[in-house]
Amino acid sequence: MANVVLVTDSTGYMPQELIDRYKIRVAPLVLIWGKETFLDGVDIQPDEFYRRLKTAKVMPSTSQATPQTMREIFGSILNTGDEVLGIFVGSELSGTLASAIQARDELAREKIELIDSTTIAMAMGFQVLAAARALEKGANLREAAQAARQIISHTGLVFTLDTLEFLQRGGRIGAASRYLGSALNLKPILEVRGGKVEPVERIRTKRRALDRVLDIIGERIKGQTPVRLSTIHALAEEEAKQLLEKAVNRFHPVEAYMAPASPVVGTHAGPGTVGLAFCAGI
């Protein structure tokens, strides 16, 4: 039986130890900064990205992982006789899945299974982990894909921003546009729901917003177990660490991670963003 190789994209920014353990291939999205082009998480890392962003006069933009990148990754896997299970950032948030579909259709449809995670960051990462653990137990391509699809409705991401400026500039603001023009000291809380960035509410201070993120996560989890958690942050490591400590004490997860937002995600979220991804009940 052919081996199955997992492929995801750089917006998940999964901890390196998980990528290494499960031999996950990562397709980088593209960061465009003036006349320079970077592969997300390959040519530029979060620390360097946020340092540059602080003083940049020209703001970066992003582009999906290209069909050529997907063809190269898928082709290298198929050439060894293995099969591909690809789990990618939500199609409402990026055209990366469309690139993967194009590459699949040009190669071998029957040996490549693709999944729209409908989300991003470790909310997607937990889907990848579900597939990886199914494969570890001997699942085939279709069974591993089903394992990932089963938990899509059990995952989520809730986050707070310092400003909506970056989401607005990147065209990802969606229904949260109704928060534009509000008092500057109000911190928006958003979530990825149904594949889109949706507004939840506005809170007076960042500290209270982070506390409210915990409450909202509790409402989404609804007492389900087991719980898996991961913070995401853009140049806000200490706040993310404190949020994760509180979340661990409150929800008692079976696993918990802390990860920076990739440069591509940070381009749209902006410095100061802190969020919490979860998977619960499965």
Protein backbone atom coordinates (compact mmCIF):
# COMPACT_ATOMS: atom_id res chain seq x y z
CA MET A 1 0.00 0.00 0.00
CA ALA A 2 1.28 3.47 -0.88
CA ASN A 3 2.33 5.81 1.87
CA VAL A 4 0.31 9.00 2.32
CA VAL A 5 2.18 12.29 2.66
CA LEU A 6 0.45 15.22 4.31
CA VAL A 7 0.72 18.65 2.71
CA THR A 8 -0.49 21.88 4.27
CA ASP A 9 0.41 25.56 3.85
CA SER A 10 2.44 28.11 5.74
CA THR A 11 -0.55 29.96 7.24
CA GLY A 12 -0.93 27.09 9.71
CA TYR A 13 2.52 27.77 11.15
CA MET A 14 2.46 24.45 12.98
CA PRO A 15 5.17 23.85 15.58
CA GLN A 16 8.28 22.49 13.88
CA GLU A 17 8.39 19.42 16.08
CA LEU A 18 4.99 18.33 14.73
CA ILE A 19 6.02 18.98 11.13
CA ASP A 20 9.15 16.91 11.67
CA ARG A 21 7.45 14.08 13.52
CA TYR A 22 4.74 13.55 10.92
CA LYS A 23 6.91 14.49 7.92
CA ILE A 24 4.43 17.15 6.81
CA ARG A 25 5.21 19.12 3.66
CA VAL A 26 4.47 22.84 3.84
CA ALA A 27 3.57 24.91 0.77
CA PRO A 28 4.64 28.52 1.37
CA LEU A 29 2.40 31.43 0.50
CA VAL A 30 4.05 34.51 -0.98
CA LEU A 31 4.88 37.82 0.69
CA ILE A 32 5.43 40.79 -1.63
CA TRP A 33 7.25 43.77 -0.13
CA GLY A 34 8.01 46.53 -2.57
CA LYS A 35 10.30 44.99 -5.17
CA GLU A 36 11.12 42.00 -2.97
CA THR A 37 9.30 38.67 -2.93
CA PHE A 38 9.57 36.19 -0.06
CA LEU A 39 8.31 32.67 0.52
CA ASP A 40 6.36 32.69 3.78
CA GLY A 41 8.33 31.04 6.57
CA VAL A 42 11.17 30.13 4.18
CA ASP A 43 12.83 33.38 3.08
CA ILE A 44 11.46 35.43 5.96
CA GLN A 45 10.59 34.44 9.53
CA PRO A 46 8.17 36.15 11.94
CA ASP A 47 10.85 37.93 14.01
CA GLU A 48 12.45 39.56 10.98
CA PHE A 49 9.08 40.31 9.41
CA TYR A 50 7.71 42.18 12.43
CA ARG A 51 10.94 44.10 12.96
CA ARG A 52 10.75 45.36 9.38
CA LEU A 53 7.04 46.07 9.61
CA LYS A 54 7.56 48.46 12.53
CA THR A 55 9.52 50.92 10.42
CA ALA A 56 8.34 50.08 6.90
CA LYS A 57 7.26 52.95 4.65
CA VAL A 58 5.92 50.49 2.06
CA MET A 59 3.46 47.93 3.37
CA PRO A 60 3.68 44.28 2.26
CA SER A 61 0.99 42.38 0.41
CA THR A 62 0.43 38.64 0.00
CA SER A 63 -0.37 36.07 -2.62
CA GLN A 64 -1.53 32.48 -2.53
CA ALA A 65 0.79 29.52 -2.87
CA THR A 66 1.24 29.13 -6.61
CA PRO A 67 0.10 26.22 -8.80
CA GLN A 68 3.76 25.69 -9.70
CA THR A 69 4.67 25.26 -6.03
CA MET A 70 1.86 22.75 -5.63
CA ARG A 71 2.88 20.86 -8.76
CA GLU A 72 6.45 20.61 -7.52
CA ILE A 73 5.43 19.36 -4.08
CA PHE A 74 2.76 16.94 -5.30
CA GLY A 75 4.95 15.72 -8.14
CA SER A 76 7.89 14.95 -5.87
CA ILE A 77 5.58 12.86 -3.67
CA LEU A 78 3.89 11.01 -6.52
CA ASN A 79 7.26 10.23 -8.10
CA THR A 80 8.15 8.09 -5.08
CA GLY A 81 4.92 6.11 -5.43
CA ASP A 82 3.21 7.83 -2.51
CA GLU A 83 -0.17 9.57 -2.32
CA VAL A 84 -1.04 13.13 -1.21
CA LEU A 85 -3.48 14.42 1.37
CA GLY A 86 -3.58 18.23 1.23
CA ILE A 87 -5.28 20.34 3.88
CA PHE A 88 -5.21 24.06 3.15
CA VAL A 89 -6.25 27.49 4.41
CA GLY A 90 -9.95 28.21 3.90
CA SER A 91 -10.87 28.98 0.30
CA GLU A 92 -12.72 32.14 1.40
CA LEU A 93 -9.46 33.45 2.88
CA SER A 94 -6.96 32.51 0.18
CA GLY A 95 -6.71 31.10 -3.33
CA THR A 96 -4.19 28.50 -2.15
CA LEU A 97 -6.68 25.63 -2.39
CA ALA A 98 -7.48 26.66 -5.96
CA SER A 99 -3.77 26.35 -6.77
CA ALA A 100 -3.75 22.88 -5.23
CA ILE A 101 -6.82 21.85 -7.25
CA GLN A 102 -5.18 23.03 -10.46
CA ALA A 103 -2.04 21.05 -9.68
CA ARG A 104 -4.03 17.94 -8.75
CA ASP A 105 -6.00 18.06 -11.98
CA GLU A 106 -2.78 18.28 -13.99
CA LEU A 107 -1.21 15.31 -12.18
CA ALA A 108 -3.18 12.37 -10.77
CA ARG A 109 -6.62 13.06 -9.33
CA GLU A 110 -7.02 9.55 -7.87
CA LYS A 111 -3.83 9.85 -5.81
CA ILE A 112 -4.40 13.34 -4.41
CA GLU A 113 -7.11 14.18 -1.87
CA LEU A 114 -7.69 17.86 -1.02
CA ILE A 115 -9.54 19.41 1.91
CA ASP A 116 -10.76 22.97 2.46
CA SER A 117 -10.08 23.48 6.16
CA THR A 118 -12.41 26.55 6.12
CA THR A 119 -10.03 28.15 8.62
CA ILE A 120 -6.41 29.11 9.30
CA ALA A 121 -3.56 28.86 11.82
CA MET A 122 -3.70 25.93 14.25
CA ALA A 123 -7.45 25.61 13.81
CA MET A 124 -6.33 24.14 10.48
CA GLY A 125 -3.32 22.54 12.13
CA PHE A 126 -5.52 20.41 14.36
CA GLN A 127 -7.17 19.01 11.24
CA VAL A 128 -3.75 18.16 9.86
CA LEU A 129 -2.85 16.47 13.16
CA ALA A 130 -6.05 14.39 13.08
CA ALA A 131 -5.08 13.09 9.65
CA ALA A 132 -1.49 12.49 10.74
CA ARG A 133 -2.55 10.46 13.74
CA ALA A 134 -4.99 8.45 11.65
CA LEU A 135 -2.17 7.64 9.21
CA GLU A 136 0.05 6.67 12.13
CA LYS A 137 -2.58 4.08 13.07
CA GLY A 138 -2.64 2.64 9.56
CA ALA A 139 -5.38 4.64 7.82
CA ASN A 140 -5.37 4.87 4.04
CA LEU A 141 -5.77 8.08 2.02
CA ARG A 142 -9.58 8.21 2.16
CA GLU A 143 -9.74 7.25 5.84
CA ALA A 144 -7.20 9.90 6.83
CA ALA A 145 -9.11 12.51 4.83
CA GLN A 146 -12.30 11.54 6.63
CA ALA A 147 -10.54 11.86 10.00
CA ALA A 148 -9.62 15.44 9.12
CA ARG A 149 -13.05 16.33 7.75
CA GLN A 150 -14.76 15.01 10.87
CA ILE A 151 -13.20 17.66 13.06
CA ILE A 152 -13.72 20.72 10.87
CA SER A 153 -16.90 21.56 12.78
CA HIS A 154 -15.06 20.99 16.08
CA THR A 155 -12.36 23.58 15.45
CA GLY A 156 -12.31 27.35 15.68
CA LEU A 157 -10.20 30.47 16.07
CA VAL A 158 -11.07 33.54 18.14
CA PHE A 159 -8.73 36.54 18.20
CA THR A 160 -8.41 40.18 19.10
CA LEU A 161 -6.63 42.89 17.13
CA ASP A 162 -4.98 46.16 18.07
CA THR A 163 -6.40 47.70 14.90
CA LEU A 164 -8.56 46.76 11.92
CA GLU A 165 -6.26 48.70 9.59
CA PHE A 166 -4.37 45.66 8.32
CA LEU A 167 -7.46 43.53 7.70
CA GLN A 168 -9.04 46.40 5.82
CA ARG A 169 -5.94 47.03 3.72
CA GLY A 170 -5.68 43.36 2.79
CA GLY A 171 -9.32 43.07 1.80
CA ARG A 172 -10.06 40.36 4.41
CA ILE A 173 -12.21 42.47 6.71
CA GLY A 174 -15.61 41.17 5.60
CA ALA A 175 -18.45 41.80 8.04
CA ALA A 176 -16.02 43.24 10.58
CA SER A 177 -16.11 46.43 8.49
CA ARG A 178 -19.00 47.55 10.67
CA TYR A 179 -16.44 48.12 13.44
CA LEU A 180 -14.52 50.65 11.37
CA GLY A 181 -14.67 54.17 12.70
CA SER A 182 -15.40 53.05 16.24
CA ALA A 183 -13.62 54.55 19.21
CA LEU A 184 -9.89 53.92 18.96
CA ASN A 185 -9.63 52.34 22.40
CA LEU A 186 -12.16 49.63 21.59
CA LYS A 187 -10.49 46.32 20.73
CA PRO A 188 -12.37 44.18 18.19
CA ILE A 189 -12.82 40.47 18.82
CA LEU A 190 -13.25 38.40 15.69
CA GLU A 191 -13.49 34.74 14.81
CA VAL A 192 -13.13 32.59 11.75
CA ARG A 193 -16.56 31.08 11.25
CA GLY A 194 -17.97 29.37 8.20
CA GLY A 195 -14.72 30.07 6.38
CA LYS A 196 -14.93 33.84 6.89
CA VAL A 197 -13.67 36.39 9.38
CA GLU A 198 -16.71 37.40 11.42
CA PRO A 199 -17.08 40.09 14.11
CA VAL A 200 -17.98 39.01 17.61
CA GLU A 201 -17.88 42.14 19.77
CA ARG A 202 -15.76 45.11 20.90
CA ILE A 203 -14.13 45.46 24.30
CA ARG A 204 -12.76 48.56 26.01
CA THR A 205 -9.20 47.36 26.71
CA LYS A 206 -6.81 44.73 25.42
CA ARG A 207 -6.66 42.94 28.76
CA ARG A 208 -10.42 42.65 28.93
CA ALA A 209 -10.55 41.61 25.30
CA LEU A 210 -8.19 38.72 26.00
CA ASP A 211 -10.29 37.66 28.98
CA ARG A 212 -13.35 37.79 26.77
CA VAL A 213 -11.62 35.60 24.18
CA LEU A 214 -11.39 32.94 26.89
CA ASP A 215 -15.09 33.28 27.67
CA ILE A 216 -16.01 32.97 23.99
CA ILE A 217 -13.83 29.89 23.63
CA GLY A 218 -15.68 28.42 26.60
CA GLU A 219 -18.99 29.13 24.87
CA ARG A 220 -17.77 27.43 21.69
CA ILE A 221 -16.36 24.39 23.49
CA LYS A 222 -19.55 23.89 25.55
CA GLY A 223 -17.91 21.47 27.95
CA GLN A 224 -16.81 19.09 25.21
CA THR A 225 -13.70 16.98 25.75
CA PRO A 226 -10.96 16.37 24.87
CA VAL A 227 -9.75 19.92 24.25
CA ARG A 228 -6.74 20.99 22.22
CA LEU A 229 -5.50 24.58 22.21
CA SER A 230 -2.97 26.81 20.51
CA THR A 231 -2.38 30.52 20.79
CA ILE A 232 -1.41 32.61 17.77
CA HIS A 233 0.28 35.98 18.12
CA ALA A 234 1.81 38.74 16.04
CA LEU A 235 4.61 40.37 18.02
CA ALA A 236 2.70 39.76 21.27
CA GLU A 237 4.43 36.74 22.75
CA GLU A 238 3.97 37.65 26.40
CA GLU A 239 0.24 38.27 26.00
CA ALA A 240 -0.09 34.99 24.12
CA LYS A 241 1.79 33.14 26.85
CA GLN A 242 -0.47 34.55 29.55
CA LEU A 243 -3.56 33.73 27.50
CA LEU A 244 -2.44 30.15 27.02
CA GLU A 245 -1.67 29.73 30.73
CA LYS A 246 -5.17 30.89 31.63
CA ALA A 247 -6.71 28.70 28.93
CA VAL A 248 -4.81 25.62 30.15
CA ASN A 249 -5.94 26.21 33.72
CA ARG A 250 -9.53 26.70 32.62
CA PHE A 251 -10.00 24.05 29.92
CA HIS A 252 -7.41 21.39 30.83
CA PRO A 253 -6.40 20.54 27.27
CA VAL A 254 -4.75 17.27 26.30
CA GLU A 255 -2.28 19.30 24.25
CA ALA A 256 -1.45 22.99 23.99
CA TYR A 257 0.89 24.99 21.76
CA MET A 258 2.01 28.56 21.25
CA ALA A 259 2.96 29.79 17.81
CA PRO A 260 3.64 33.12 16.10
CA ALA A 261 1.47 34.24 13.21
CA SER A 262 3.28 33.61 9.94
CA PRO A 263 4.40 36.72 8.02
CA VAL A 264 1.53 36.28 5.54
CA VAL A 265 -1.04 36.06 8.35
CA GLY A 266 0.64 38.94 10.17
CA THR A 267 0.33 41.10 7.05
CA HIS A 268 -3.46 40.90 7.36
CA ALA A 269 -3.82 40.78 11.14
CA GLY A 270 -1.20 43.33 12.14
CA PRO A 271 1.15 43.57 15.14
CA GLY A 272 -0.49 43.00 18.51
CA THR A 273 -2.91 40.35 17.32
CA VAL A 274 -3.48 37.54 19.82
CA GLY A 275 -5.80 34.61 19.32
CA LEU A 276 -6.68 31.15 20.52
CA ALA A 277 -7.38 28.20 18.25
CA PHE A 278 -9.21 25.19 19.61
CA CYS A 279 -10.36 21.71 18.78
CA ALA A 280 -12.90 20.15 21.14
CA GLY A 281 -15.05 17.07 21.44
CA ILE A 282 -13.22 14.68 19.15
